[in-house]
């Protein structure tokens, strides 16, 4: 079952939260230096938890309900991360600390979309298995 479409979505979510934050900065400060997620422990923890949940969910393909719940938790984690980014960008006064937002701030949005697609595919598989069980 690793070859299912939800595995592709979960792997893309894993890449989005585990690899791309190393490539794309979250923002640039007033001095023009890139700010990566590793420079703040809260961001690093949330990115790490999201990446871990995606990876565990990929290999939990035998228990679809658990996979579905892990994806929901991962979505909540990404919403919290996105909320922290929005709070940080809206709570600053003028150009004191943040002068340019980076692509890294939008990674949780992409991850949420991929997790929703994965959950739809998991639900579709679960409905298929239930319909086959009814025929027996």
N, C-alpha and C. Protein backbone atom coordinates (compact mmCIF):
# COMPACT_ATOMS: atom_id res chain seq x y z
N UNK A 1 0.80 -1.20 0.00
CA UNK A 1 0.00 0.00 0.00
C UNK A 1 0.84 1.27 0.00
N UNK A 2 2.14 1.14 -0.01
CA UNK A 2 2.98 2.34 -0.06
C UNK A 2 2.86 3.02 -1.42
N UNK A 3 2.40 2.32 -2.43
CA UNK A 3 2.31 2.90 -3.76
C UNK A 3 1.04 3.70 -3.97
N UNK A 4 0.24 3.92 -2.96
CA UNK A 4 -1.01 4.66 -3.08
C UNK A 4 -0.76 6.16 -3.23
N UNK A 5 -1.76 6.87 -3.71
CA UNK A 5 -1.61 8.31 -3.97
C UNK A 5 -1.43 9.10 -2.67
N UNK A 6 -2.04 8.63 -1.57
CA UNK A 6 -1.87 9.37 -0.32
C UNK A 6 -0.42 9.33 0.15
N UNK A 7 0.30 8.30 -0.21
CA UNK A 7 1.72 8.24 0.14
C UNK A 7 2.50 9.30 -0.62
N UNK A 8 2.13 9.54 -1.85
CA UNK A 8 2.78 10.60 -2.63
C UNK A 8 2.51 11.95 -1.98
N UNK A 9 1.26 12.19 -1.60
CA UNK A 9 0.92 13.46 -0.94
C UNK A 9 1.66 13.61 0.39
N UNK A 10 1.72 12.53 1.16
CA UNK A 10 2.41 12.59 2.45
C UNK A 10 3.92 12.79 2.26
N UNK A 11 4.48 12.17 1.22
CA UNK A 11 5.91 12.35 0.95
C UNK A 11 6.18 13.80 0.53
N UNK A 12 5.30 14.37 -0.26
CA UNK A 12 5.47 15.78 -0.65
C UNK A 12 5.33 16.70 0.56
N UNK A 13 4.43 16.36 1.49
CA UNK A 13 4.31 17.14 2.73
C UNK A 13 5.58 16.99 3.57
N UNK A 14 6.15 15.78 3.58
CA UNK A 14 7.42 15.55 4.29
C UNK A 14 8.53 16.40 3.69
N UNK A 15 8.61 16.44 2.36
CA UNK A 15 9.62 17.26 1.68
C UNK A 15 9.38 18.74 2.00
N UNK A 16 8.12 19.13 1.98
CA UNK A 16 7.76 20.53 2.22
C UNK A 16 8.15 20.99 3.62
N UNK A 17 8.01 20.13 4.60
CA UNK A 17 8.30 20.52 5.98
C UNK A 17 9.68 20.06 6.47
N UNK A 18 10.31 19.14 5.75
CA UNK A 18 11.59 18.62 6.22
C UNK A 18 12.80 19.06 5.43
N UNK A 19 12.61 19.36 4.15
CA UNK A 19 13.75 19.70 3.29
C UNK A 19 13.72 21.17 2.87
N UNK A 20 12.57 21.63 2.43
CA UNK A 20 12.47 22.99 1.90
C UNK A 20 12.75 24.10 2.91
N UNK A 21 12.48 23.92 4.21
CA UNK A 21 12.84 24.99 5.15
C UNK A 21 14.35 25.24 5.24
N UNK A 22 15.15 24.25 4.87
CA UNK A 22 16.60 24.46 4.84
C UNK A 22 17.00 25.29 3.63
N UNK A 23 16.18 25.27 2.59
CA UNK A 23 16.49 25.95 1.34
C UNK A 23 15.96 27.38 1.34
N UNK A 24 14.69 27.54 1.74
CA UNK A 24 14.03 28.83 1.67
C UNK A 24 14.01 29.50 3.04
N UNK A 25 14.44 30.76 3.12
CA UNK A 25 14.37 31.47 4.41
C UNK A 25 12.94 31.88 4.72
N UNK A 26 12.67 32.06 6.01
CA UNK A 26 11.34 32.51 6.43
C UNK A 26 11.15 33.99 6.11
N UNK A 27 12.17 34.79 6.39
CA UNK A 27 12.13 36.21 6.07
C UNK A 27 13.53 36.76 6.11
N UNK A 28 13.66 38.03 5.74
CA UNK A 28 14.93 38.75 5.86
C UNK A 28 14.74 39.84 6.89
N UNK A 29 15.74 40.00 7.74
CA UNK A 29 15.62 41.04 8.75
C UNK A 29 16.03 42.39 8.16
N UNK A 30 16.04 43.43 8.99
CA UNK A 30 16.33 44.78 8.51
C UNK A 30 17.75 44.90 7.96
N UNK A 31 18.65 44.05 8.46
CA UNK A 31 20.04 44.09 7.98
C UNK A 31 20.20 43.35 6.66
N UNK A 32 19.16 42.66 6.21
CA UNK A 32 19.24 41.93 4.94
C UNK A 32 19.68 40.49 5.11
N UNK A 33 19.84 40.03 6.34
CA UNK A 33 20.25 38.65 6.58
C UNK A 33 19.04 37.73 6.54
N UNK A 34 19.22 36.56 5.97
CA UNK A 34 18.14 35.57 5.91
C UNK A 34 17.89 34.97 7.29
N UNK A 35 16.61 34.79 7.63
CA UNK A 35 16.23 34.16 8.88
C UNK A 35 15.65 32.80 8.56
N UNK A 36 16.35 31.74 8.95
CA UNK A 36 15.90 30.38 8.72
C UNK A 36 15.20 29.85 9.97
N UNK A 37 14.46 28.77 9.82
CA UNK A 37 13.68 28.23 10.93
C UNK A 37 14.56 27.73 12.07
N UNK A 38 15.81 27.40 11.78
CA UNK A 38 16.69 26.85 12.81
C UNK A 38 17.11 27.89 13.84
N UNK A 39 16.91 29.16 13.53
CA UNK A 39 17.34 30.23 14.42
C UNK A 39 16.38 30.45 15.58
N UNK A 40 15.24 29.77 15.57
CA UNK A 40 14.26 29.88 16.65
C UNK A 40 13.84 28.46 17.04
N UNK A 41 13.93 28.15 18.31
CA UNK A 41 13.64 26.78 18.74
C UNK A 41 12.17 26.40 18.56
N UNK A 42 11.26 27.35 18.72
CA UNK A 42 9.83 27.04 18.54
C UNK A 42 9.56 26.64 17.09
N UNK A 43 10.10 27.39 16.15
CA UNK A 43 9.90 27.06 14.73
C UNK A 43 10.55 25.73 14.39
N UNK A 44 11.75 25.52 14.90
CA UNK A 44 12.46 24.26 14.61
C UNK A 44 11.69 23.07 15.18
N UNK A 45 11.14 23.22 16.37
CA UNK A 45 10.37 22.14 16.97
C UNK A 45 9.12 21.83 16.17
N UNK A 46 8.38 22.87 15.79
CA UNK A 46 7.15 22.65 15.04
C UNK A 46 7.40 22.07 13.65
N UNK A 47 8.43 22.55 12.97
CA UNK A 47 8.79 21.97 11.68
C UNK A 47 9.21 20.51 11.84
N UNK A 48 9.99 20.23 12.88
CA UNK A 48 10.44 18.86 13.13
C UNK A 48 9.29 17.92 13.46
N UNK A 49 8.35 18.37 14.28
CA UNK A 49 7.19 17.54 14.61
C UNK A 49 6.32 17.28 13.39
N UNK A 50 6.15 18.29 12.57
CA UNK A 50 5.35 18.12 11.35
C UNK A 50 6.01 17.13 10.40
N UNK A 51 7.31 17.25 10.26
CA UNK A 51 8.05 16.32 9.39
C UNK A 51 7.95 14.90 9.94
N UNK A 52 8.09 14.73 11.25
CA UNK A 52 8.03 13.41 11.87
C UNK A 52 6.64 12.79 11.72
N UNK A 53 5.60 13.59 11.92
CA UNK A 53 4.24 13.07 11.77
C UNK A 53 3.98 12.62 10.33
N UNK A 54 4.49 13.36 9.36
CA UNK A 54 4.32 12.95 7.96
C UNK A 54 5.03 11.63 7.69
N UNK A 55 6.23 11.49 8.21
CA UNK A 55 6.99 10.26 7.99
C UNK A 55 6.34 9.07 8.69
N UNK A 56 5.87 9.25 9.92
CA UNK A 56 5.21 8.17 10.63
C UNK A 56 3.91 7.79 9.93
N UNK A 57 3.22 8.78 9.41
CA UNK A 57 1.97 8.53 8.71
C UNK A 57 2.20 7.75 7.41
N UNK A 58 3.32 7.99 6.75
CA UNK A 58 3.64 7.25 5.53
C UNK A 58 3.77 5.76 5.83
N UNK A 59 4.46 5.44 6.91
CA UNK A 59 4.69 4.03 7.22
C UNK A 59 3.59 3.41 8.07
N UNK A 60 2.56 4.19 8.38
CA UNK A 60 1.42 3.65 9.10
C UNK A 60 0.28 3.33 8.16
N UNK A 61 0.59 2.87 6.97
CA UNK A 61 -0.42 2.67 5.93
C UNK A 61 -1.37 1.51 6.24
N UNK A 62 -1.00 0.61 7.15
CA UNK A 62 -1.88 -0.52 7.47
C UNK A 62 -3.05 -0.11 8.35
N UNK A 63 -2.86 0.95 9.11
CA UNK A 63 -3.93 1.45 10.00
C UNK A 63 -4.38 2.81 9.46
N UNK A 64 -5.37 2.75 8.59
CA UNK A 64 -5.81 3.96 7.90
C UNK A 64 -6.43 4.98 8.85
N UNK A 65 -7.14 4.53 9.86
CA UNK A 65 -7.75 5.47 10.81
C UNK A 65 -6.68 6.24 11.58
N UNK A 66 -5.64 5.54 12.02
CA UNK A 66 -4.53 6.21 12.72
C UNK A 66 -3.82 7.18 11.79
N UNK A 67 -3.67 6.78 10.54
CA UNK A 67 -3.04 7.64 9.54
C UNK A 67 -3.87 8.92 9.36
N UNK A 68 -5.17 8.76 9.32
CA UNK A 68 -6.08 9.89 9.17
C UNK A 68 -5.96 10.84 10.36
N UNK A 69 -5.91 10.30 11.57
CA UNK A 69 -5.80 11.11 12.79
C UNK A 69 -4.45 11.82 12.84
N UNK A 70 -3.38 11.12 12.47
CA UNK A 70 -2.05 11.75 12.46
C UNK A 70 -2.00 12.92 11.47
N UNK A 71 -2.67 12.76 10.34
CA UNK A 71 -2.71 13.85 9.37
C UNK A 71 -3.49 15.04 9.91
N UNK A 72 -4.56 14.76 10.64
CA UNK A 72 -5.32 15.86 11.25
C UNK A 72 -4.46 16.60 12.28
N UNK A 73 -3.71 15.85 13.10
CA UNK A 73 -2.81 16.48 14.07
C UNK A 73 -1.74 17.30 13.36
N UNK A 74 -1.25 16.78 12.25
CA UNK A 74 -0.24 17.48 11.48
C UNK A 74 -0.82 18.78 10.91
N UNK A 75 -2.07 18.74 10.48
CA UNK A 75 -2.71 19.97 9.98
C UNK A 75 -2.84 21.00 11.09
N UNK A 76 -3.22 20.56 12.29
CA UNK A 76 -3.33 21.48 13.43
C UNK A 76 -1.97 22.08 13.75
N UNK A 77 -0.93 21.27 13.69
CA UNK A 77 0.43 21.74 13.94
C UNK A 77 0.83 22.79 12.90
N UNK A 78 0.48 22.56 11.66
CA UNK A 78 0.81 23.52 10.61
C UNK A 78 0.01 24.81 10.74
N UNK A 79 -1.23 24.72 11.21
CA UNK A 79 -2.03 25.92 11.45
C UNK A 79 -1.41 26.73 12.58
N UNK A 80 -0.93 26.06 13.63
CA UNK A 80 -0.26 26.75 14.72
C UNK A 80 1.00 27.45 14.21
N UNK A 81 1.77 26.75 13.39
CA UNK A 81 2.99 27.32 12.82
C UNK A 81 2.66 28.53 11.95
N UNK A 82 1.64 28.40 11.14
CA UNK A 82 1.21 29.51 10.29
C UNK A 82 0.72 30.68 11.15
N UNK A 83 0.02 30.39 12.23
CA UNK A 83 -0.43 31.44 13.15
C UNK A 83 0.74 32.17 13.78
N UNK A 84 1.80 31.45 14.13
CA UNK A 84 3.00 32.09 14.68
C UNK A 84 3.64 33.01 13.65
N UNK A 85 3.67 32.58 12.41
CA UNK A 85 4.24 33.42 11.35
C UNK A 85 3.41 34.68 11.15
N UNK A 86 2.10 34.53 11.12
CA UNK A 86 1.22 35.69 10.93
C UNK A 86 1.34 36.64 12.12
N UNK A 87 1.35 36.08 13.32
CA UNK A 87 1.50 36.91 14.51
C UNK A 87 2.81 37.67 14.47
N UNK A 88 3.86 37.01 14.09
CA UNK A 88 5.18 37.65 14.04
C UNK A 88 5.22 38.76 13.00
N UNK A 89 4.62 38.51 11.85
CA UNK A 89 4.69 39.52 10.79
C UNK A 89 3.73 40.68 11.04
N UNK A 90 2.61 40.45 11.72
CA UNK A 90 1.65 41.53 11.97
C UNK A 90 1.92 42.30 13.26
N UNK A 91 2.65 41.73 14.17
CA UNK A 91 2.88 42.34 15.47
C UNK A 91 4.10 43.25 15.49
N UNK A 92 4.84 43.30 14.42
CA UNK A 92 6.04 44.14 14.39
C UNK A 92 5.67 45.56 14.01
N UNK A 93 6.35 46.50 14.61
CA UNK A 93 6.06 47.90 14.29
C UNK A 93 7.00 48.38 13.19
N UNK A 94 6.43 48.74 12.09
CA UNK A 94 7.20 49.30 10.98
C UNK A 94 8.23 48.35 10.42
N UNK A 95 9.39 48.88 10.14
CA UNK A 95 10.47 48.11 9.52
C UNK A 95 11.58 47.82 10.52
N UNK A 96 11.24 47.61 11.76
CA UNK A 96 12.29 47.43 12.76
C UNK A 96 13.01 46.10 12.63
N UNK A 97 12.26 45.01 12.39
CA UNK A 97 12.92 43.71 12.35
C UNK A 97 12.74 42.98 11.03
N UNK A 98 11.57 43.02 10.46
CA UNK A 98 11.31 42.25 9.25
C UNK A 98 11.10 43.22 8.10
N UNK A 99 11.88 43.06 7.06
CA UNK A 99 11.70 43.94 5.91
C UNK A 99 11.17 43.20 4.70
N UNK A 100 11.37 41.88 4.65
CA UNK A 100 10.90 41.12 3.50
C UNK A 100 10.54 39.71 3.93
N UNK A 101 9.33 39.29 3.57
CA UNK A 101 8.91 37.93 3.91
C UNK A 101 9.43 36.98 2.85
N UNK A 102 9.80 35.78 3.29
CA UNK A 102 10.34 34.79 2.37
C UNK A 102 9.31 33.74 2.00
N UNK A 103 9.69 32.88 1.09
CA UNK A 103 8.82 31.80 0.64
C UNK A 103 8.58 30.80 1.77
N UNK A 104 9.51 30.71 2.68
CA UNK A 104 9.40 29.75 3.78
C UNK A 104 8.18 29.96 4.65
N UNK A 105 7.63 31.16 4.67
CA UNK A 105 6.44 31.41 5.49
C UNK A 105 5.20 30.74 4.90
N UNK A 106 5.24 30.39 3.63
CA UNK A 106 4.09 29.78 2.98
C UNK A 106 4.16 28.26 2.92
N UNK A 107 5.22 27.68 3.43
CA UNK A 107 5.35 26.22 3.43
C UNK A 107 4.27 25.52 4.24
N UNK A 108 3.83 26.04 5.39
CA UNK A 108 2.73 25.37 6.10
C UNK A 108 1.43 25.33 5.29
N UNK A 109 1.18 26.34 4.48
CA UNK A 109 -0.03 26.35 3.66
C UNK A 109 0.02 25.22 2.63
N UNK A 110 1.16 25.06 1.99
CA UNK A 110 1.34 23.99 1.01
C UNK A 110 1.20 22.63 1.69
N UNK A 111 1.77 22.51 2.87
CA UNK A 111 1.68 21.25 3.62
C UNK A 111 0.24 20.94 4.01
N UNK A 112 -0.51 21.94 4.42
CA UNK A 112 -1.92 21.72 4.79
C UNK A 112 -2.71 21.23 3.59
N UNK A 113 -2.49 21.83 2.44
CA UNK A 113 -3.20 21.40 1.22
C UNK A 113 -2.85 19.95 0.88
N UNK A 114 -1.58 19.59 0.98
CA UNK A 114 -1.17 18.22 0.68
C UNK A 114 -1.75 17.23 1.70
N UNK A 115 -1.83 17.62 2.94
CA UNK A 115 -2.41 16.74 3.96
C UNK A 115 -3.91 16.57 3.77
N UNK A 116 -4.60 17.61 3.33
CA UNK A 116 -6.03 17.49 3.04
C UNK A 116 -6.24 16.53 1.88
N UNK A 117 -5.42 16.63 0.85
CA UNK A 117 -5.51 15.71 -0.28
C UNK A 117 -5.24 14.27 0.15
N UNK A 118 -4.25 14.10 1.03
CA UNK A 118 -3.94 12.75 1.53
C UNK A 118 -5.11 12.20 2.34
N UNK A 119 -5.74 13.03 3.16
CA UNK A 119 -6.87 12.57 3.95
C UNK A 119 -8.06 12.20 3.07
N UNK A 120 -8.26 12.93 1.99
CA UNK A 120 -9.34 12.57 1.05
C UNK A 120 -9.06 11.20 0.43
N UNK A 121 -7.81 10.94 0.06
CA UNK A 121 -7.46 9.65 -0.53
C UNK A 121 -7.58 8.53 0.50
N UNK A 122 -7.21 8.78 1.74
CA UNK A 122 -7.34 7.77 2.79
C UNK A 122 -8.81 7.46 3.04
N UNK A 123 -9.65 8.49 3.08
CA UNK A 123 -11.09 8.29 3.27
C UNK A 123 -11.67 7.49 2.11
N UNK A 124 -11.21 7.76 0.91
CA UNK A 124 -11.68 7.02 -0.27
C UNK A 124 -11.29 5.54 -0.16
N UNK A 125 -10.07 5.25 0.27
CA UNK A 125 -9.64 3.87 0.47
C UNK A 125 -10.46 3.19 1.56
N UNK A 126 -10.70 3.91 2.65
CA UNK A 126 -11.46 3.34 3.75
C UNK A 126 -12.89 3.01 3.31
N UNK A 127 -13.49 3.90 2.54
CA UNK A 127 -14.84 3.63 2.02
C UNK A 127 -14.84 2.44 1.08
N UNK A 128 -13.81 2.29 0.28
CA UNK A 128 -13.71 1.15 -0.63
C UNK A 128 -13.59 -0.15 0.14
N UNK A 129 -12.79 -0.18 1.19
CA UNK A 129 -12.63 -1.38 1.99
C UNK A 129 -13.93 -1.72 2.71
N UNK A 130 -14.65 -0.72 3.20
CA UNK A 130 -15.93 -0.99 3.87
C UNK A 130 -16.96 -1.52 2.89
N UNK A 131 -16.96 -1.03 1.66
CA UNK A 131 -17.93 -1.51 0.68
C UNK A 131 -17.63 -2.94 0.27
N UNK A 132 -16.37 -3.31 0.21
CA UNK A 132 -16.00 -4.69 -0.13
C UNK A 132 -16.35 -5.63 1.01
N UNK A 133 -16.19 -5.16 2.26
CA UNK A 133 -16.54 -5.98 3.42
C UNK A 133 -18.04 -6.25 3.49
N UNK A 134 -18.84 -5.33 2.99
CA UNK A 134 -20.29 -5.53 3.00
C UNK A 134 -20.70 -6.65 2.05
N UNK A 135 -19.94 -6.85 0.99
CA UNK A 135 -20.30 -7.85 0.00
C UNK A 135 -19.98 -9.28 0.45
N UNK A 136 -19.14 -9.42 1.45
CA UNK A 136 -18.77 -10.77 1.89
C UNK A 136 -19.84 -11.46 2.62
